[in-house]
Amino acid sequence: MTRHTTYRIGGPAALFVECASVADLATATDVLADEGIDWRVLGKGSNVLVADDGYDGAVIVLGRDFKRHALDEGHLRTGAGVILAAIVRDAFSEGRTGLEFAVGIPGTVGGALAMNAGSREEWIGAVVESVTLFVPGEGLVGVRGPEIAWGYRTSGLQGRGIIVEAVLRAEPGDGDQIRRTMEASLRRRKRTQPLSMPSAGSVFVNPEGDSAGRLIEAAGLKGARVGGAAISDVHANFIVNAGGATAADVLALVRLVRDTVKEAHGIELTPEVRFLGSFDGS
């Protein structure tokens, strides 16, 4: 899985299944259920840490039919397998507003919807008109955006099925203002995030009224290292693969941060990175 995650870490999955269509998804999930095989859907692996021993199950990725998107009057219809950066770019080129907040966020549309990508102030759930899910054994199910419970780094979509498509609001806007907003956001990301090193983005959810990065830095952990994994000198809420890092190295730092911040500040940080495979005591 080192080739399928932004951490560039992880052992092999037992099965790697690319589904090009809804029919493929139905067949794959039926077979996996009949064989009693656990499975997970993976986008670009931008928010995942895979165990060094790998994953004794099937990794499902969305192929051809889920990588299409199109703009129409005020809306953007997109497959869940589309790279988020692609729809942000196309919305900008067509002078559409609403997705500026997502510039620079890695991963696929499906992953962004599942995790409600964005910040406390702006997130993708705010522009969702509808989402289509594939529910194994049932088929396609549509859900209206307002019916979904959106929260900071969470959505009510998790556990309900496989996200296959979404319709997002993308109204015409001021092209110059859209460009200025996106350029400012990109400058801020380049200045405050270790974009040149493999990582899974922010490791911990910001607690209410505070910043995980600030708490970690205040606890004296910025730059701490275990093996090939390090807490970034640029942003303390990023654990980077500084060279040859293992999942065990990253997990050791996650535990160090969680324990040290709890002792120093009385706050227990919650990881937003997803763990795939068997992690001892995680």
Protein backbone atom coordinates (compact mmCIF):
# COMPACT_ATOMS: atom_id res chain seq x y z
CA MET A 1 0.00 0.00 0.00
CA THR A 2 3.01 2.31 -0.04
CA ARG A 3 2.04 3.19 -3.63
CA HIS A 4 -1.54 4.01 -2.69
CA THR A 5 -1.18 6.35 0.30
CA THR A 6 0.28 9.85 0.58
CA TYR A 7 2.34 8.67 3.57
CA ARG A 8 4.13 6.18 1.28
CA ILE A 9 3.81 3.71 4.15
CA GLY A 10 2.08 0.36 4.57
CA GLY A 11 2.24 -3.35 3.83
CA PRO A 12 0.18 -5.16 1.19
CA ALA A 13 -3.57 -5.56 1.10
CA ALA A 14 -4.84 -9.10 0.59
CA LEU A 15 -6.92 -7.89 -2.39
CA PHE A 16 -6.92 -4.70 -4.45
CA VAL A 17 -10.14 -4.28 -6.43
CA GLU A 18 -10.79 -1.50 -8.96
CA CYS A 19 -14.46 -1.08 -9.78
CA ALA A 20 -15.19 0.77 -13.02
CA SER A 21 -18.97 0.89 -12.60
CA VAL A 22 -21.85 0.46 -10.18
CA ALA A 23 -22.32 -3.05 -11.58
CA ASP A 24 -18.71 -3.81 -10.65
CA LEU A 25 -19.32 -2.50 -7.12
CA ALA A 26 -22.38 -4.72 -6.76
CA THR A 27 -20.48 -7.80 -7.95
CA ALA A 28 -17.41 -7.09 -5.82
CA THR A 29 -19.30 -6.42 -2.59
CA ASP A 30 -21.54 -9.47 -3.12
CA VAL A 31 -18.53 -11.75 -3.64
CA LEU A 32 -16.65 -10.28 -0.69
CA ALA A 33 -19.73 -10.72 1.53
CA ASP A 34 -20.17 -14.33 0.39
CA GLU A 35 -16.50 -15.05 1.17
CA GLY A 36 -16.59 -13.23 4.52
CA ILE A 37 -13.83 -10.82 3.49
CA ASP A 38 -13.58 -7.40 5.14
CA TRP A 39 -13.25 -4.45 2.73
CA ARG A 40 -12.64 -0.71 2.71
CA VAL A 41 -13.00 1.93 0.00
CA LEU A 42 -9.87 3.99 -0.64
CA GLY A 43 -9.57 7.27 -2.50
CA LYS A 44 -6.08 8.73 -2.88
CA GLY A 45 -5.04 7.50 0.56
CA SER A 46 -4.46 11.05 1.77
CA ASN A 47 -5.87 10.50 5.25
CA VAL A 48 -4.84 6.89 5.92
CA LEU A 49 -2.10 5.07 7.79
CA VAL A 50 -1.76 1.43 6.70
CA ALA A 51 -0.17 -1.06 9.09
CA ASP A 52 3.31 -2.37 8.30
CA ASP A 53 1.86 -5.89 8.05
CA GLY A 54 -0.72 -4.60 5.61
CA TYR A 55 -4.46 -5.23 5.58
CA ASP A 56 -6.01 -8.70 5.56
CA GLY A 57 -8.94 -7.60 3.48
CA ALA A 58 -9.92 -5.99 0.19
CA VAL A 59 -9.19 -2.41 -0.77
CA ILE A 60 -11.78 -1.12 -3.24
CA VAL A 61 -10.96 1.85 -5.47
CA LEU A 62 -13.37 3.62 -7.80
CA GLY A 63 -12.50 3.56 -11.49
CA ARG A 64 -13.76 4.83 -14.85
CA ASP A 65 -17.43 5.76 -14.28
CA PHE A 66 -16.64 7.48 -10.99
CA LYS A 67 -13.96 9.78 -12.43
CA ARG A 68 -16.24 12.01 -14.49
CA HIS A 69 -17.50 15.48 -13.68
CA ALA A 70 -19.41 18.22 -15.48
CA LEU A 71 -20.54 21.77 -14.80
CA ASP A 72 -24.01 22.93 -15.67
CA GLU A 73 -26.17 25.89 -14.67
CA GLY A 74 -25.16 26.60 -11.08
CA HIS A 75 -24.15 23.03 -10.28
CA LEU A 76 -21.28 20.59 -10.58
CA ARG A 77 -22.03 16.89 -10.90
CA THR A 78 -19.03 14.81 -9.94
CA GLY A 79 -18.10 11.21 -9.43
CA ALA A 80 -16.62 10.26 -6.07
CA GLY A 81 -13.37 9.11 -7.68
CA VAL A 82 -12.59 12.55 -9.14
CA ILE A 83 -9.56 14.26 -7.62
CA LEU A 84 -10.80 17.23 -5.57
CA ALA A 85 -8.17 19.51 -7.11
CA ALA A 86 -9.64 18.83 -10.56
CA ILE A 87 -13.10 20.18 -9.73
CA VAL A 88 -11.60 23.16 -7.89
CA ARG A 89 -9.51 23.96 -10.97
CA ASP A 90 -12.43 23.58 -13.38
CA ALA A 91 -14.76 25.66 -11.20
CA PHE A 92 -12.15 28.43 -11.17
CA SER A 93 -11.62 28.27 -14.94
CA GLU A 94 -15.39 28.63 -15.46
CA GLY A 95 -15.72 31.48 -12.95
CA ARG A 96 -17.76 29.43 -10.47
CA THR A 97 -17.64 30.19 -6.76
CA GLY A 98 -18.11 28.02 -3.68
CA LEU A 99 -15.09 25.73 -3.85
CA GLU A 100 -12.31 28.23 -3.19
CA PHE A 101 -11.81 26.86 0.35
CA ALA A 102 -10.82 23.47 -1.09
CA VAL A 103 -7.79 24.66 -3.07
CA GLY A 104 -4.76 22.63 -2.06
CA ILE A 105 -6.74 19.94 -0.21
CA PRO A 106 -5.57 16.51 -1.44
CA GLY A 107 -7.68 13.44 -2.05
CA THR A 108 -10.85 12.55 -3.94
CA VAL A 109 -14.35 13.99 -3.84
CA GLY A 110 -15.60 10.86 -2.07
CA GLY A 111 -13.01 11.17 0.67
CA ALA A 112 -13.71 14.89 1.03
CA LEU A 113 -17.43 14.21 1.48
CA ALA A 114 -16.91 11.37 3.95
CA MET A 115 -14.65 13.55 6.12
CA ASN A 116 -16.38 16.86 5.34
CA ALA A 117 -13.10 18.38 4.19
CA GLY A 118 -12.41 22.00 5.01
CA SER A 119 -12.10 24.09 8.15
CA ARG A 120 -14.40 25.02 11.02
CA GLU A 121 -15.50 28.05 9.00
CA GLU A 122 -15.85 26.50 5.52
CA TRP A 123 -16.42 22.90 4.53
CA ILE A 124 -17.58 20.93 1.54
CA GLY A 125 -20.88 19.94 3.19
CA ALA A 126 -22.03 23.55 2.88
CA VAL A 127 -22.16 23.30 -0.94
CA VAL A 128 -23.64 19.81 -1.27
CA GLU A 129 -27.00 19.57 -3.03
CA SER A 130 -27.16 15.78 -3.01
CA VAL A 131 -25.08 12.63 -2.63
CA THR A 132 -25.63 9.25 -4.25
CA LEU A 133 -24.57 6.18 -2.28
CA PHE A 134 -24.24 2.57 -3.32
CA VAL A 135 -25.56 0.40 -0.50
CA PRO A 136 -24.49 -3.27 -0.85
CA GLY A 137 -27.50 -5.52 -1.22
CA GLU A 138 -29.80 -2.56 -1.84
CA GLY A 139 -28.46 -0.48 -4.73
CA LEU A 140 -28.26 3.26 -5.30
CA VAL A 141 -29.66 5.59 -2.66
CA GLY A 142 -29.91 9.37 -2.98
CA VAL A 143 -29.55 11.72 -0.02
CA ARG A 144 -30.22 15.46 -0.07
CA GLY A 145 -27.41 17.64 1.29
CA PRO A 146 -29.49 19.28 4.06
CA GLU A 147 -30.50 15.81 5.31
CA ILE A 148 -26.86 14.93 6.02
CA ALA A 149 -25.40 15.70 9.46
CA TRP A 150 -22.33 17.80 8.65
CA GLY A 151 -19.80 18.67 11.34
CA TYR A 152 -16.18 19.65 11.70
CA ARG A 153 -14.20 16.78 10.12
CA THR A 154 -17.27 14.52 10.20
CA SER A 155 -20.31 13.73 8.11
CA GLY A 156 -23.41 11.65 8.48
CA LEU A 157 -22.38 9.72 5.36
CA GLN A 158 -19.91 7.45 7.11
CA GLY A 159 -21.15 3.92 7.43
CA ARG A 160 -24.19 4.47 5.19
CA GLY A 161 -22.74 3.10 1.96
CA ILE A 162 -20.17 3.82 -0.73
CA ILE A 163 -20.24 7.40 -1.96
CA VAL A 164 -20.40 7.27 -5.78
CA GLU A 165 -21.55 10.72 -6.89
CA ALA A 166 -22.43 14.20 -5.65
CA VAL A 167 -24.03 17.37 -6.94
CA LEU A 168 -22.38 20.52 -5.60
CA ARG A 169 -23.48 24.14 -5.85
CA ALA A 170 -21.17 26.13 -8.12
CA GLU A 171 -22.74 29.50 -8.87
CA PRO A 172 -21.21 32.07 -11.24
CA GLY A 173 -18.97 34.48 -9.33
CA ASP A 174 -16.40 37.23 -9.70
CA GLY A 175 -13.41 35.58 -11.40
CA ASP A 176 -10.89 38.04 -10.02
CA GLN A 177 -12.16 37.59 -6.46
CA ILE A 178 -12.15 33.79 -6.83
CA ARG A 179 -8.54 33.91 -8.01
CA ARG A 180 -7.46 36.23 -5.17
CA THR A 181 -9.11 34.01 -2.57
CA MET A 182 -7.51 30.86 -3.96
CA GLU A 183 -4.06 32.41 -4.30
CA ALA A 184 -4.18 33.68 -0.72
CA SER A 185 -5.22 30.23 0.52
CA LEU A 186 -2.43 28.52 -1.43
CA ARG A 187 0.17 30.97 -0.09
CA ARG A 188 -1.02 30.28 3.44
CA ARG A 189 -0.80 26.50 2.92
CA LYS A 190 2.70 26.71 1.45
CA ARG A 191 3.82 28.89 4.34
CA THR A 192 2.27 26.85 7.15
CA GLN A 193 2.30 23.22 5.96
CA PRO A 194 5.15 20.78 5.11
CA LEU A 195 3.95 20.18 1.56
CA SER A 196 7.31 18.87 0.33
CA MET A 197 7.28 15.77 2.57
CA PRO A 198 4.96 12.72 2.55
CA SER A 199 2.24 13.03 5.17
CA ALA A 200 -1.45 12.39 5.75
CA GLY A 201 -2.25 16.04 6.42
CA SER A 202 -3.42 17.07 9.87
CA VAL A 203 -3.10 14.16 12.27
CA PHE A 204 -5.44 15.37 15.04
CA VAL A 205 -8.79 17.13 15.00
CA ASN A 206 -8.61 20.64 16.45
CA PRO A 207 -10.37 20.63 19.84
CA GLU A 208 -13.16 23.13 20.39
CA GLY A 209 -11.75 26.63 20.79
CA ASP A 210 -8.11 25.65 20.26
CA SER A 211 -5.60 24.33 17.75
CA ALA A 212 -4.04 20.87 17.93
CA GLY A 213 -0.87 22.29 16.39
CA ARG A 214 -0.59 24.96 19.07
CA LEU A 215 -1.13 22.44 21.87
CA ILE A 216 1.49 20.05 20.43
CA GLU A 217 4.04 22.84 19.97
CA ALA A 218 3.37 24.21 23.47
CA ALA A 219 4.04 20.72 24.84
CA GLY A 220 7.53 20.91 23.33
CA LEU A 221 7.02 18.21 20.71
CA LYS A 222 7.73 20.12 17.50
CA GLY A 223 10.54 18.30 15.70
CA ALA A 224 10.27 15.13 17.82
CA ARG A 225 11.22 12.01 15.90
CA VAL A 226 10.75 8.25 16.07
CA GLY A 227 12.64 6.31 13.42
CA GLY A 228 11.84 7.85 10.04
CA ALA A 229 8.74 9.71 11.26
CA ALA A 230 8.90 13.26 12.60
CA ILE A 231 6.59 15.93 13.95
CA SER A 232 6.98 18.68 11.39
CA ASP A 233 9.04 21.77 12.20
CA VAL A 234 6.65 23.70 9.96
CA HIS A 235 3.34 22.63 11.53
CA ALA A 236 3.21 20.53 14.70
CA ASN A 237 -0.07 18.83 13.71
CA PHE A 238 1.68 17.13 10.79
CA ILE A 239 3.64 13.91 11.23
CA VAL A 240 5.81 13.49 8.15
CA ASN A 241 7.66 10.59 6.59
CA ALA A 242 11.16 12.06 6.80
CA GLY A 243 12.65 9.01 5.09
CA GLY A 244 12.02 5.29 5.58
CA ALA A 245 9.27 5.78 8.17
CA THR A 246 7.15 2.81 9.17
CA ALA A 247 3.57 2.77 10.38
CA ALA A 248 4.92 1.79 13.81
CA ASP A 249 7.07 4.96 13.83
CA VAL A 250 4.08 7.15 13.03
CA LEU A 251 1.87 5.41 15.59
CA ALA A 252 4.54 5.85 18.27
CA LEU A 253 4.48 9.60 17.62
CA VAL A 254 0.67 9.67 17.63
CA ARG A 255 0.71 8.04 21.08
CA LEU A 256 3.47 10.35 22.31
CA VAL A 257 1.50 13.41 21.24
CA ARG A 258 -1.77 12.15 22.69
CA ASP A 259 -0.20 11.29 26.07
CA THR A 260 1.98 14.40 26.35
CA VAL A 261 -0.78 16.84 25.40
CA LYS A 262 -3.17 15.13 27.82
CA GLU A 263 -0.63 15.50 30.62
CA ALA A 264 0.38 19.06 29.74
CA HIS A 265 -3.01 20.54 28.88
CA GLY A 266 -5.64 18.10 30.14
CA ILE A 267 -6.97 17.74 26.59
CA GLU A 268 -7.22 14.39 24.82
CA LEU A 269 -6.65 14.88 21.10
CA THR A 270 -8.62 12.74 18.65
CA PRO A 271 -6.83 11.44 15.54
CA GLU A 272 -8.46 12.31 12.23
CA VAL A 273 -6.13 9.97 10.36
CA ARG A 274 -7.79 6.63 9.62
CA PHE A 275 -5.97 3.40 10.51
CA LEU A 276 -6.14 0.43 8.14
CA GLY A 277 -4.91 -2.97 9.27
CA SER A 278 -3.92 -4.32 12.66
CA PHE A 279 -2.30 -1.85 15.07
CA ASP A 280 -1.34 -3.17 18.49
CA GLY A 281 -3.15 -1.14 21.14
CA SER A 282 -4.27 1.63 18.78
